[in-house]
Amino acid sequence: MTRESYIDSKMTDIEILAKKAKVIIEDVDQGYFCEKVESPKDAWKIMGPYYDHAGVKVSIVNDLIYELMKNLSNLSNVLAADDDVDRELKLYELMDKHNCDRDVAELLLQDQQEA
């Protein structure tokens, strides 16, 4: 799998997980937290089974967010590794071009990045 296809795949996974979490959160918000208890007859809206149902949905959202964070971490690691490779290649190019050692090449690279 190429770097670009891996990044595209992870971005799609992250978008899907975020949309799933959003749907469930809205469902819990509308179906539980927006319920009004105006009389004793409405007490069922905040009692055991109803509350447990909301708890299950919150657990599902927690799992989705865990997966989302894991995918973001993996994606971040891939991008950081590529940045390191790019930096190393630039250093070697500077060393060849200026016939210098690594320390001088690092200084030259810093100068290029600041400019």
PDB file of N, CA and C in Angstrom:
ATOM      1  N   MET A   1       0.849  -1.183   0.000  1.00  0.00           N
ATOM      2  CA  MET A   1       0.000   0.000   0.000  1.00  0.00           C
ATOM      3  C   MET A   1       0.891   1.241   0.000  1.00  0.00           C
ATOM      4  N   THR A   2       0.594   2.162  -0.872  1.00  0.00           N
ATOM      5  CA  THR A   2       1.382   3.387  -0.935  1.00  0.00           C
ATOM      6  C   THR A   2       1.023   4.307   0.227  1.00  0.00           C
ATOM      7  N   ARG A   3       1.901   5.267   0.440  1.00  0.00           N
ATOM      8  CA  ARG A   3       1.690   6.230   1.525  1.00  0.00           C
ATOM      9  C   ARG A   3       0.374   6.983   1.317  1.00  0.00           C
ATOM     10  N   GLU A   4       0.136   7.418   0.091  1.00  0.00           N
ATOM     11  CA  GLU A   4      -1.067   8.199  -0.210  1.00  0.00           C
ATOM     12  C   GLU A   4      -2.336   7.380  -0.013  1.00  0.00           C
ATOM     13  N   SER A   5      -2.323   6.129  -0.452  1.00  0.00           N
ATOM     14  CA  SER A   5      -3.522   5.302  -0.291  1.00  0.00           C
ATOM     15  C   SER A   5      -3.749   4.970   1.181  1.00  0.00           C
ATOM     16  N   TYR A   6      -2.658   4.782   1.943  1.00  0.00           N
ATOM     17  CA  TYR A   6      -2.802   4.541   3.384  1.00  0.00           C
ATOM     18  C   TYR A   6      -3.424   5.755   4.063  1.00  0.00           C
ATOM     19  N   ILE A   7      -2.931   6.938   3.724  1.00  0.00           N
ATOM     20  CA  ILE A   7      -3.466   8.169   4.320  1.00  0.00           C
ATOM     21  C   ILE A   7      -4.927   8.349   3.936  1.00  0.00           C
ATOM     22  N   ASP A   8      -5.264   8.135   2.664  1.00  0.00           N
ATOM     23  CA  ASP A   8      -6.656   8.243   2.221  1.00  0.00           C
ATOM     24  C   ASP A   8      -7.550   7.256   2.959  1.00  0.00           C
ATOM     25  N   SER A   9      -7.067   6.033   3.117  1.00  0.00           N
ATOM     26  CA  SER A   9      -7.837   5.001   3.815  1.00  0.00           C
ATOM     27  C   SER A   9      -8.087   5.390   5.269  1.00  0.00           C
ATOM     28  N   LYS A  10      -7.042   5.857   5.948  1.00  0.00           N
ATOM     29  CA  LYS A  10      -7.186   6.255   7.351  1.00  0.00           C
ATOM     30  C   LYS A  10      -8.090   7.469   7.494  1.00  0.00           C
ATOM     31  N   MET A  11      -7.995   8.414   6.562  1.00  0.00           N
ATOM     32  CA  MET A  11      -8.860   9.588   6.626  1.00  0.00           C
ATOM     33  C   MET A  11     -10.324   9.189   6.448  1.00  0.00           C
ATOM     34  N   THR A  12     -10.589   8.258   5.537  1.00  0.00           N
ATOM     35  CA  THR A  12     -11.952   7.763   5.340  1.00  0.00           C
ATOM     36  C   THR A  12     -12.446   7.063   6.598  1.00  0.00           C
ATOM     37  N   ASP A  13     -11.598   6.217   7.201  1.00  0.00           N
ATOM     38  CA  ASP A  13     -11.967   5.537   8.449  1.00  0.00           C
ATOM     39  C   ASP A  13     -12.304   6.541   9.544  1.00  0.00           C
ATOM     40  N   ILE A  14     -11.498   7.577   9.656  1.00  0.00           N
ATOM     41  CA  ILE A  14     -11.712   8.596  10.687  1.00  0.00           C
ATOM     42  C   ILE A  14     -13.030   9.331  10.444  1.00  0.00           C
ATOM     43  N   GLU A  15     -13.307   9.695   9.203  1.00  0.00           N
ATOM     44  CA  GLU A  15     -14.564  10.386   8.886  1.00  0.00           C
ATOM     45  C   GLU A  15     -15.773   9.519   9.208  1.00  0.00           C
ATOM     46  N   ILE A  16     -15.705   8.243   8.873  1.00  0.00           N
ATOM     47  CA  ILE A  16     -16.821   7.330   9.146  1.00  0.00           C
ATOM     48  C   ILE A  16     -17.036   7.183  10.643  1.00  0.00           C
ATOM     49  N   LEU A  17     -15.949   6.989  11.399  1.00  0.00           N
ATOM     50  CA  LEU A  17     -16.072   6.857  12.852  1.00  0.00           C
ATOM     51  C   LEU A  17     -16.655   8.123  13.473  1.00  0.00           C
ATOM     52  N   ALA A  18     -16.221   9.274  13.003  1.00  0.00           N
ATOM     53  CA  ALA A  18     -16.730  10.538  13.542  1.00  0.00           C
ATOM     54  C   ALA A  18     -18.222  10.689  13.258  1.00  0.00           C
ATOM     55  N   LYS A  19     -18.656  10.311  12.046  1.00  0.00           N
ATOM     56  CA  LYS A  19     -20.080  10.409  11.711  1.00  0.00           C
ATOM     57  C   LYS A  19     -20.906   9.444  12.548  1.00  0.00           C
ATOM     58  N   LYS A  20     -20.403   8.221  12.764  1.00  0.00           N
ATOM     59  CA  LYS A  20     -21.122   7.256  13.606  1.00  0.00           C
ATOM     60  C   LYS A  20     -21.261   7.782  15.029  1.00  0.00           C
ATOM     61  N   ALA A  21     -20.179   8.318  15.564  1.00  0.00           N
ATOM     62  CA  ALA A  21     -20.213   8.855  16.927  1.00  0.00           C
ATOM     63  C   ALA A  21     -21.203  10.008  17.025  1.00  0.00           C
ATOM     64  N   LYS A  22     -21.205  10.870  16.021  1.00  0.00           N
ATOM     65  CA  LYS A  22     -22.117  12.018  16.022  1.00  0.00           C
ATOM     66  C   LYS A  22     -23.577  11.566  16.022  1.00  0.00           C
ATOM     67  N   VAL A  23     -23.895  10.569  15.206  1.00  0.00           N
ATOM     68  CA  VAL A  23     -25.270  10.065  15.139  1.00  0.00           C
ATOM     69  C   VAL A  23     -25.704   9.502  16.493  1.00  0.00           C
ATOM     70  N   ILE A  24     -24.841   8.717  17.117  1.00  0.00           N
ATOM     71  CA  ILE A  24     -25.203   8.107  18.402  1.00  0.00           C
ATOM     72  C   ILE A  24     -25.321   9.163  19.487  1.00  0.00           C
ATOM     73  N   ILE A  25     -24.413  10.131  19.494  1.00  0.00           N
ATOM     74  CA  ILE A  25     -24.484  11.196  20.498  1.00  0.00           C
ATOM     75  C   ILE A  25     -25.778  11.991  20.346  1.00  0.00           C
ATOM     76  N   GLU A  26     -26.158  12.308  19.103  1.00  0.00           N
ATOM     77  CA  GLU A  26     -27.411  13.023  18.879  1.00  0.00           C
ATOM     78  C   GLU A  26     -28.616  12.187  19.308  1.00  0.00           C
ATOM     79  N   ASP A  27     -28.547  10.889  19.076  1.00  0.00           N
ATOM     80  CA  ASP A  27     -29.620   9.993  19.479  1.00  0.00           C
ATOM     81  C   ASP A  27     -29.780   9.987  21.002  1.00  0.00           C
ATOM     82  N   VAL A  28     -28.667   9.902  21.706  1.00  0.00           N
ATOM     83  CA  VAL A  28     -28.717   9.911  23.182  1.00  0.00           C
ATOM     84  C   VAL A  28     -29.213  11.266  23.666  1.00  0.00           C
ATOM     85  N   ASP A  29     -28.733  12.326  23.071  1.00  0.00           N
ATOM     86  CA  ASP A  29     -29.139  13.665  23.491  1.00  0.00           C
ATOM     87  C   ASP A  29     -30.635  13.868  23.299  1.00  0.00           C
ATOM     88  N   GLN A  30     -31.138  13.510  22.118  1.00  0.00           N
ATOM     89  CA  GLN A  30     -32.558  13.705  21.842  1.00  0.00           C
ATOM     90  C   GLN A  30     -33.436  12.707  22.584  1.00  0.00           C
ATOM     91  N   GLY A  31     -32.981  11.483  22.701  1.00  0.00           N
ATOM     92  CA  GLY A  31     -33.815  10.443  23.288  1.00  0.00           C
ATOM     93  C   GLY A  31     -33.746  10.343  24.796  1.00  0.00           C
ATOM     94  N   TYR A  32     -32.745  10.960  25.397  1.00  0.00           N
ATOM     95  CA  TYR A  32     -32.625  10.835  26.847  1.00  0.00           C
ATOM     96  C   TYR A  32     -32.526  12.197  27.522  1.00  0.00           C
ATOM     97  N   PHE A  33     -31.541  12.975  27.158  1.00  0.00           N
ATOM     98  CA  PHE A  33     -31.297  14.223  27.872  1.00  0.00           C
ATOM     99  C   PHE A  33     -32.308  15.310  27.546  1.00  0.00           C
ATOM    100  N   CYS A  34     -32.982  15.204  26.436  1.00  0.00           N
ATOM    101  CA  CYS A  34     -33.994  16.209  26.087  1.00  0.00           C
ATOM    102  C   CYS A  34     -35.381  15.851  26.621  1.00  0.00           C
ATOM    103  N   GLU A  35     -35.509  14.691  27.231  1.00  0.00           N
ATOM    104  CA  GLU A  35     -36.799  14.280  27.793  1.00  0.00           C
ATOM    105  C   GLU A  35     -37.142  15.163  28.989  1.00  0.00           C
ATOM    106  N   LYS A  36     -38.360  15.557  29.047  1.00  0.00           N
ATOM    107  CA  LYS A  36     -38.821  16.383  30.170  1.00  0.00           C
ATOM    108  C   LYS A  36     -39.626  15.519  31.133  1.00  0.00           C
ATOM    109  N   VAL A  37     -39.285  15.628  32.397  1.00  0.00           N
ATOM    110  CA  VAL A  37     -40.025  14.913  33.440  1.00  0.00           C
ATOM    111  C   VAL A  37     -40.894  15.956  34.129  1.00  0.00           C
ATOM    112  N   GLU A  38     -42.147  16.033  33.671  1.00  0.00           N
ATOM    113  CA  GLU A  38     -43.042  17.068  34.171  1.00  0.00           C
ATOM    114  C   GLU A  38     -44.009  16.565  35.230  1.00  0.00           C
ATOM    115  N   SER A  39     -44.153  15.242  35.312  1.00  0.00           N
ATOM    116  CA  SER A  39     -45.061  14.679  36.311  1.00  0.00           C
ATOM    117  C   SER A  39     -44.516  13.316  36.733  1.00  0.00           C
ATOM    118  N   PRO A  40     -45.060  12.753  37.814  1.00  0.00           N
ATOM    119  CA  PRO A  40     -44.606  11.419  38.235  1.00  0.00           C
ATOM    120  C   PRO A  40     -44.805  10.362  37.146  1.00  0.00           C
ATOM    121  N   LYS A  41     -45.783  10.552  36.262  1.00  0.00           N
ATOM    122  CA  LYS A  41     -46.000   9.582  35.182  1.00  0.00           C
ATOM    123  C   LYS A  41     -44.826   9.572  34.196  1.00  0.00           C
ATOM    124  N   ASP A  42     -44.071  10.640  34.147  1.00  0.00           N
ATOM    125  CA  ASP A  42     -42.927  10.729  33.236  1.00  0.00           C
ATOM    126  C   ASP A  42     -41.634  10.194  33.853  1.00  0.00           C
ATOM    127  N   ALA A  43     -41.714   9.680  35.063  1.00  0.00           N
ATOM    128  CA  ALA A  43     -40.500   9.214  35.755  1.00  0.00           C
ATOM    129  C   ALA A  43     -39.816   8.072  35.020  1.00  0.00           C
ATOM    130  N   TRP A  44     -40.562   7.307  34.217  1.00  0.00           N
ATOM    131  CA  TRP A  44     -39.958   6.195  33.470  1.00  0.00           C
ATOM    132  C   TRP A  44     -38.838   6.680  32.542  1.00  0.00           C
ATOM    133  N   LYS A  45     -38.891   7.976  32.171  1.00  0.00           N
ATOM    134  CA  LYS A  45     -37.907   8.526  31.247  1.00  0.00           C
ATOM    135  C   LYS A  45     -36.503   8.585  31.847  1.00  0.00           C
ATOM    136  N   ILE A  46     -36.412   8.521  33.159  1.00  0.00           N
ATOM    137  CA  ILE A  46     -35.096   8.582  33.791  1.00  0.00           C
ATOM    138  C   ILE A  46     -34.823   7.356  34.658  1.00  0.00           C
ATOM    139  N   MET A  47     -35.605   6.309  34.523  1.00  0.00           N
ATOM    140  CA  MET A  47     -35.447   5.116  35.345  1.00  0.00           C
ATOM    141  C   MET A  47     -34.564   4.077  34.670  1.00  0.00           C
ATOM    142  N   GLY A  48     -34.280   3.030  35.395  1.00  0.00           N
ATOM    143  CA  GLY A  48     -33.381   1.943  35.048  1.00  0.00           C
ATOM    144  C   GLY A  48     -33.201   1.565  33.594  1.00  0.00           C
ATOM    145  N   PRO A  49     -34.147   0.858  32.972  1.00  0.00           N
ATOM    146  CA  PRO A  49     -33.928   0.375  31.604  1.00  0.00           C
ATOM    147  C   PRO A  49     -33.655   1.504  30.607  1.00  0.00           C
ATOM    148  N   TYR A  50     -34.352   2.593  30.794  1.00  0.00           N
ATOM    149  CA  TYR A  50     -34.164   3.726  29.892  1.00  0.00           C
ATOM    150  C   TYR A  50     -32.748   4.287  30.050  1.00  0.00           C
ATOM    151  N   TYR A  51     -32.311   4.396  31.300  1.00  0.00           N
ATOM    152  CA  TYR A  51     -30.972   4.892  31.602  1.00  0.00           C
ATOM    153  C   TYR A  51     -29.914   3.911  31.096  1.00  0.00           C
ATOM    154  N   ASP A  52     -30.147   2.612  31.267  1.00  0.00           N
ATOM    155  CA  ASP A  52     -29.204   1.595  30.786  1.00  0.00           C
ATOM    156  C   ASP A  52     -29.042   1.666  29.272  1.00  0.00           C
ATOM    157  N   HIS A  53     -30.144   1.898  28.566  1.00  0.00           N
ATOM    158  CA  HIS A  53     -30.094   2.018  27.115  1.00  0.00           C
ATOM    159  C   HIS A  53     -29.177   3.184  26.709  1.00  0.00           C
ATOM    160  N   ALA A  54     -29.297   4.306  27.386  1.00  0.00           N
ATOM    161  CA  ALA A  54     -28.435   5.458  27.111  1.00  0.00           C
ATOM    162  C   ALA A  54     -26.984   5.116  27.445  1.00  0.00           C
ATOM    163  N   GLY A  55     -26.768   4.371  28.511  1.00  0.00           N
ATOM    164  CA  GLY A  55     -25.413   3.971  28.901  1.00  0.00           C
ATOM    165  C   GLY A  55     -24.749   3.095  27.854  1.00  0.00           C
ATOM    166  N   VAL A  56     -25.520   2.200  27.247  1.00  0.00           N
ATOM    167  CA  VAL A  56     -24.985   1.342  26.179  1.00  0.00           C
ATOM    168  C   VAL A  56     -24.529   2.200  25.007  1.00  0.00           C
ATOM    169  N   LYS A  57     -25.335   3.168  24.642  1.00  0.00           N
ATOM    170  CA  LYS A  57     -24.971   4.039  23.527  1.00  0.00           C
ATOM    171  C   LYS A  57     -23.725   4.854  23.846  1.00  0.00           C
ATOM    172  N   VAL A  58     -23.596   5.318  25.071  1.00  0.00           N
ATOM    173  CA  VAL A  58     -22.407   6.066  25.470  1.00  0.00           C
ATOM    174  C   VAL A  58     -21.177   5.165  25.404  1.00  0.00           C
ATOM    175  N   SER A  59     -21.308   3.901  25.792  1.00  0.00           N
ATOM    176  CA  SER A  59     -20.188   2.961  25.689  1.00  0.00           C
ATOM    177  C   SER A  59     -19.778   2.749  24.238  1.00  0.00           C
ATOM    178  N   ILE A  60     -20.753   2.668  23.352  1.00  0.00           N
ATOM    179  CA  ILE A  60     -20.456   2.515  21.925  1.00  0.00           C
ATOM    180  C   ILE A  60     -19.692   3.734  21.420  1.00  0.00           C
ATOM    181  N   VAL A  61     -20.130   4.918  21.824  1.00  0.00           N
ATOM    182  CA  VAL A  61     -19.444   6.138  21.406  1.00  0.00           C
ATOM    183  C   VAL A  61     -18.016   6.148  21.950  1.00  0.00           C
ATOM    184  N   ASN A  62     -17.828   5.720  23.187  1.00  0.00           N
ATOM    185  CA  ASN A  62     -16.475   5.643  23.745  1.00  0.00           C
ATOM    186  C   ASN A  62     -15.590   4.730  22.900  1.00  0.00           C
ATOM    187  N   ASP A  63     -16.113   3.591  22.470  1.00  0.00           N
ATOM    188  CA  ASP A  63     -15.350   2.674  21.618  1.00  0.00           C
ATOM    189  C   ASP A  63     -15.019   3.315  20.276  1.00  0.00           C
ATOM    190  N   LEU A  64     -15.984   4.012  19.696  1.00  0.00           N
ATOM    191  CA  LEU A  64     -15.744   4.686  18.420  1.00  0.00           C
ATOM    192  C   LEU A  64     -14.670   5.764  18.557  1.00  0.00           C
ATOM    193  N   ILE A  65     -14.732   6.507  19.633  1.00  0.00           N
ATOM    194  CA  ILE A  65     -13.740   7.564  19.844  1.00  0.00           C
ATOM    195  C   ILE A  65     -12.357   6.963  20.083  1.00  0.00           C
ATOM    196  N   TYR A  66     -12.288   5.828  20.789  1.00  0.00           N
ATOM    197  CA  TYR A  66     -11.007   5.151  20.976  1.00  0.00           C
ATOM    198  C   TYR A  66     -10.422   4.757  19.616  1.00  0.00           C
ATOM    199  N   GLU A  67     -11.232   4.177  18.748  1.00  0.00           N
ATOM    200  CA  GLU A  67     -10.767   3.783  17.412  1.00  0.00           C
ATOM    201  C   GLU A  67     -10.355   5.009  16.606  1.00  0.00           C
ATOM    202  N   LEU A  68     -11.120   6.075  16.723  1.00  0.00           N
ATOM    203  CA  LEU A  68     -10.798   7.302  16.018  1.00  0.00           C
ATOM    204  C   LEU A  68      -9.440   7.839  16.468  1.00  0.00           C
ATOM    205  N   MET A  69      -9.206   7.868  17.761  1.00  0.00           N
ATOM    206  CA  MET A  69      -7.932   8.357  18.291  1.00  0.00           C
ATOM    207  C   MET A  69      -6.772   7.455  17.868  1.00  0.00           C
ATOM    208  N   LYS A  70      -7.006   6.147  17.827  1.00  0.00           N
ATOM    209  CA  LYS A  70      -5.971   5.212  17.385  1.00  0.00           C
ATOM    210  C   LYS A  70      -5.619   5.468  15.923  1.00  0.00           C
ATOM    211  N   ASN A  71      -6.625   5.671  15.082  1.00  0.00           N
ATOM    212  CA  ASN A  71      -6.380   5.967  13.670  1.00  0.00           C
ATOM    213  C   ASN A  71      -5.642   7.288  13.493  1.00  0.00           C
ATOM    214  N   LEU A  72      -6.003   8.295  14.269  1.00  0.00           N
ATOM    215  CA  LEU A  72      -5.304   9.573  14.197  1.00  0.00           C
ATOM    216  C   LEU A  72      -3.841   9.425  14.611  1.00  0.00           C
ATOM    217  N   SER A  73      -3.597   8.637  15.641  1.00  0.00           N
ATOM    218  CA  SER A  73      -2.231   8.398  16.098  1.00  0.00           C
ATOM    219  C   SER A  73      -1.415   7.686  15.024  1.00  0.00           C
ATOM    220  N   ASN A  74      -1.998   6.645  14.404  1.00  0.00           N
ATOM    221  CA  ASN A  74      -1.308   5.929  13.338  1.00  0.00           C
ATOM    222  C   ASN A  74      -1.000   6.847  12.166  1.00  0.00           C
ATOM    223  N   LEU A  75      -1.954   7.665  11.812  1.00  0.00           N
ATOM    224  CA  LEU A  75      -1.768   8.598  10.709  1.00  0.00           C
ATOM    225  C   LEU A  75      -0.675   9.611  11.045  1.00  0.00           C
ATOM    226  N   SER A  76      -0.682  10.097  12.249  1.00  0.00           N
ATOM    227  CA  SER A  76       0.336  11.045  12.689  1.00  0.00           C
ATOM    228  C   SER A  76       1.727  10.415  12.638  1.00  0.00           C
ATOM    229  N   ASN A  77       1.826   9.154  13.055  1.00  0.00           N
ATOM    230  CA  ASN A  77       3.112   8.456  13.011  1.00  0.00           C
ATOM    231  C   ASN A  77       3.612   8.292  11.581  1.00  0.00           C
ATOM    232  N   VAL A  78       2.706   7.977  10.666  1.00  0.00           N
ATOM    233  CA  VAL A  78       3.095   7.823   9.257  1.00  0.00           C
ATOM    234  C   VAL A  78       3.598   9.157   8.706  1.00  0.00           C
ATOM    235  N   LEU A  79       2.895  10.227   9.007  1.00  0.00           N
ATOM    236  CA  LEU A  79       3.299  11.536   8.512  1.00  0.00           C
ATOM    237  C   LEU A  79       4.624  11.979   9.123  1.00  0.00           C
ATOM    238  N   ALA A  80       4.829  11.712  10.403  1.00  0.00           N
ATOM    239  CA  ALA A  80       6.085  12.075  11.064  1.00  0.00           C
ATOM    240  C   ALA A  80       7.250  11.279  10.478  1.00  0.00           C
ATOM    241  N   ALA A  81       7.034  10.001  10.207  1.00  0.00           N
ATOM    242  CA  ALA A  81       8.098   9.175   9.627  1.00  0.00           C
ATOM    243  C   ALA A  81       8.479   9.697   8.248  1.00  0.00           C
ATOM    244  N   ASP A  82       7.507  10.111   7.471  1.00  0.00           N
ATOM    245  CA  ASP A  82       7.804  10.660   6.149  1.00  0.00           C
ATOM    246  C   ASP A  82       8.553  11.977   6.256  1.00  0.00           C
ATOM    247  N   ASP A  83       8.222  12.799   7.256  1.00  0.00           N
ATOM    248  CA  ASP A  83       8.937  14.053   7.459  1.00  0.00           C
ATOM    249  C   ASP A  83      10.403  13.776   7.778  1.00  0.00           C
ATOM    250  N   ASP A  84      10.664  12.741   8.601  1.00  0.00           N
ATOM    251  CA  ASP A  84      12.033  12.368   8.945  1.00  0.00           C
ATOM    252  C   ASP A  84      12.802  11.920   7.702  1.00  0.00           C
ATOM    253  N   VAL A  85      12.158  11.140   6.851  1.00  0.00           N
ATOM    254  CA  VAL A  85      12.801  10.665   5.626  1.00  0.00           C
ATOM    255  C   VAL A  85      13.116  11.844   4.715  1.00  0.00           C
ATOM    256  N   ASP A  86      12.165  12.747   4.552  1.00  0.00           N
ATOM    257  CA  ASP A  86      12.380  13.927   3.716  1.00  0.00           C
ATOM    258  C   ASP A  86      13.537  14.769   4.247  1.00  0.00           C
ATOM    259  N   ARG A  87      13.593  14.918   5.539  1.00  0.00           N
ATOM    260  CA  ARG A  87      14.669  15.709   6.161  1.00  0.00           C
ATOM    261  C   ARG A  87      16.024  15.054   5.917  1.00  0.00           C
ATOM    262  N   GLU A  88      16.077  13.749   6.097  1.00  0.00           N
ATOM    263  CA  GLU A  88      17.334  13.033   5.863  1.00  0.00           C
ATOM    264  C   GLU A  88      17.791  13.171   4.413  1.00  0.00           C
ATOM    265  N   LEU A  89      16.861  13.048   3.482  1.00  0.00           N
ATOM    266  CA  LEU A  89      17.210  13.197   2.066  1.00  0.00           C
ATOM    267  C   LEU A  89      17.749  14.600   1.774  1.00  0.00           C
ATOM    268  N   LYS A  90      17.120  15.596   2.357  1.00  0.00           N
ATOM    269  CA  LYS A  90      17.593  16.970   2.159  1.00  0.00           C
ATOM    270  C   LYS A  90      19.000  17.146   2.721  1.00  0.00           C
ATOM    271  N   LEU A  91      19.244  16.528   3.888  1.00  0.00           N
ATOM    272  CA  LEU A  91      20.580  16.622   4.476  1.00  0.00           C
ATOM    273  C   LEU A  91      21.631  15.992   3.567  1.00  0.00           C
ATOM    274  N   TYR A  92      21.323  14.807   3.036  1.00  0.00           N
ATOM    275  CA  TYR A  92      22.275  14.143   2.146  1.00  0.00           C
ATOM    276  C   TYR A  92      22.506  14.954   0.873  1.00  0.00           C
ATOM    277  N   GLU A  93      21.460  15.558   0.347  1.00  0.00           N
ATOM    278  CA  GLU A  93      21.616  16.396  -0.844  1.00  0.00           C
ATOM    279  C   GLU A  93      22.517  17.592  -0.554  1.00  0.00           C
ATOM    280  N   LEU A  94      22.316  18.209   0.622  1.00  0.00           N
ATOM    281  CA  LEU A  94      23.166  19.344   0.998  1.00  0.00           C
ATOM    282  C   LEU A  94      24.612  18.911   1.213  1.00  0.00           C
ATOM    283  N   MET A  95      24.800  17.746   1.824  1.00  0.00           N
ATOM    284  CA  MET A  95      26.158  17.246   2.043  1.00  0.00           C
ATOM    285  C   MET A  95      26.866  17.016   0.711  1.00  0.00           C
ATOM    286  N   ASP A  96      26.151  16.450  -0.261  1.00  0.00           N
ATOM    287  CA  ASP A  96      26.738  16.210  -1.583  1.00  0.00           C
ATOM    288  C   ASP A  96      26.999  17.520  -2.318  1.00  0.00           C
ATOM    289  N   LYS A  97      26.031  18.405  -2.286  1.00  0.00           N
ATOM    290  CA  LYS A  97      26.127  19.651  -3.040  1.00  0.00           C
ATOM    291  C   LYS A  97      27.258  20.539  -2.524  1.00  0.00           C
ATOM    292  N   HIS A  98      27.390  20.610  -1.197  1.00  0.00           N
ATOM    293  CA  HIS A  98      28.374  21.520  -0.601  1.00  0.00           C
ATOM    294  C   HIS A  98      29.634  20.794  -0.117  1.00  0.00           C
ATOM    295  N   ASN A  99      29.671  19.490  -0.352  1.00  0.00           N
ATOM    296  CA  ASN A  99      30.823  18.687   0.059  1.00  0.00           C
ATOM    297  C   ASN A  99      31.178  18.970   1.534  1.00  0.00           C
ATOM    298  N   CYS A 100      30.174  18.788   2.395  1.00  0.00           N
ATOM    299  CA  CYS A 100      30.354  19.087   3.810  1.00  0.00           C
ATOM    300  C   CYS A 100      29.891  17.918   4.667  1.00  0.00           C
ATOM    301  N   ASP A 101      30.138  18.029   5.973  1.00  0.00           N
ATOM    302  CA  ASP A 101      29.687  16.967   6.885  1.00  0.00           C
ATOM    303  C   ASP A 101      28.240  17.234   7.324  1.00  0.00           C
ATOM    304  N   ARG A 102      27.722  16.322   8.106  1.00  0.00           N
ATOM    305  CA  ARG A 102      26.318  16.384   8.513  1.00  0.00           C
ATOM    306  C   ARG A 102      26.006  17.631   9.339  1.00  0.00           C
ATOM    307  N   ASP A 103      26.905  18.016  10.243  1.00  0.00           N
ATOM    308  CA  ASP A 103      26.652  19.185  11.092  1.00  0.00           C
ATOM    309  C   ASP A 103      26.479  20.449  10.260  1.00  0.00           C
ATOM    310  N   VAL A 104      27.346  20.627   9.277  1.00  0.00           N
ATOM    311  CA  VAL A 104      27.242  21.802   8.411  1.00  0.00           C
ATOM    312  C   VAL A 104      25.957  21.722   7.588  1.00  0.00           C
ATOM    313  N   ALA A 105      25.626  20.530   7.110  1.00  0.00           N
ATOM    314  CA  ALA A 105      24.397  20.349   6.332  1.00  0.00           C
ATOM    315  C   ALA A 105      23.168  20.692   7.171  1.00  0.00           C
ATOM    316  N   GLU A 106      23.199  20.332   8.442  1.00  0.00           N
ATOM    317  CA  GLU A 106      22.065  20.667   9.324  1.00  0.00           C
ATOM    318  C   GLU A 106      21.938  22.175   9.478  1.00  0.00           C
ATOM    319  N   LEU A 107      23.063  22.864   9.601  1.00  0.00           N
ATOM    320  CA  LEU A 107      23.023  24.324   9.693  1.00  0.00           C
ATOM    321  C   LEU A 107      22.482  24.933   8.398  1.00  0.00           C
ATOM    322  N   LEU A 108      22.926  24.390   7.262  1.00  0.00           N
ATOM    323  CA  LEU A 108      22.415  24.875   5.978  1.00  0.00           C
ATOM    324  C   LEU A 108      20.916  24.633   5.846  1.00  0.00           C
ATOM    325  N   LEU A 109      20.463  23.472   6.302  1.00  0.00           N
ATOM    326  CA  LEU A 109      19.024  23.163   6.247  1.00  0.00           C
ATOM    327  C   LEU A 109      18.225  24.107   7.128  1.00  0.00           C
ATOM    328  N   GLN A 110      18.765  24.409   8.308  1.00  0.00           N
ATOM    329  CA  GLN A 110      18.084  25.360   9.195  1.00  0.00           C
ATOM    330  C   GLN A 110      17.974  26.726   8.528  1.00  0.00           C
ATOM    331  N   ASP A 111      19.062  27.147   7.871  1.00  0.00           N
ATOM    332  CA  ASP A 111      19.033  28.426   7.163  1.00  0.00           C
ATOM    333  C   ASP A 111      17.972  28.426   6.070  1.00  0.00           C
ATOM    334  N   GLN A 112      17.860  27.319   5.334  1.00  0.00           N
ATOM    335  CA  GLN A 112      16.859  27.221   4.273  1.00  0.00           C
ATOM    336  C   GLN A 112      15.449  27.296   4.838  1.00  0.00           C
ATOM    337  N   GLN A 113      15.231  26.633   5.978  1.00  0.00           N
ATOM    338  CA  GLN A 113      13.888  26.600   6.564  1.00  0.00           C
ATOM    339  C   GLN A 113      13.499  27.946   7.137  1.00  0.00           C
ATOM    340  N   GLU A 114      14.477  28.709   7.619  1.00  0.00           N
ATOM    341  CA  GLU A 114      14.187  30.025   8.186  1.00  0.00           C
ATOM    342  C   GLU A 114      13.913  31.053   7.096  1.00  0.00           C
ATOM    343  N   ALA A 115      14.485  30.828   5.927  1.00  0.00           N
ATOM    344  CA  ALA A 115      14.332  31.801   4.821  1.00  0.00           C
ATOM    345  C   ALA A 115      12.975  31.718   4.164  1.00  0.00           C
TER     346      ALA A 115
END
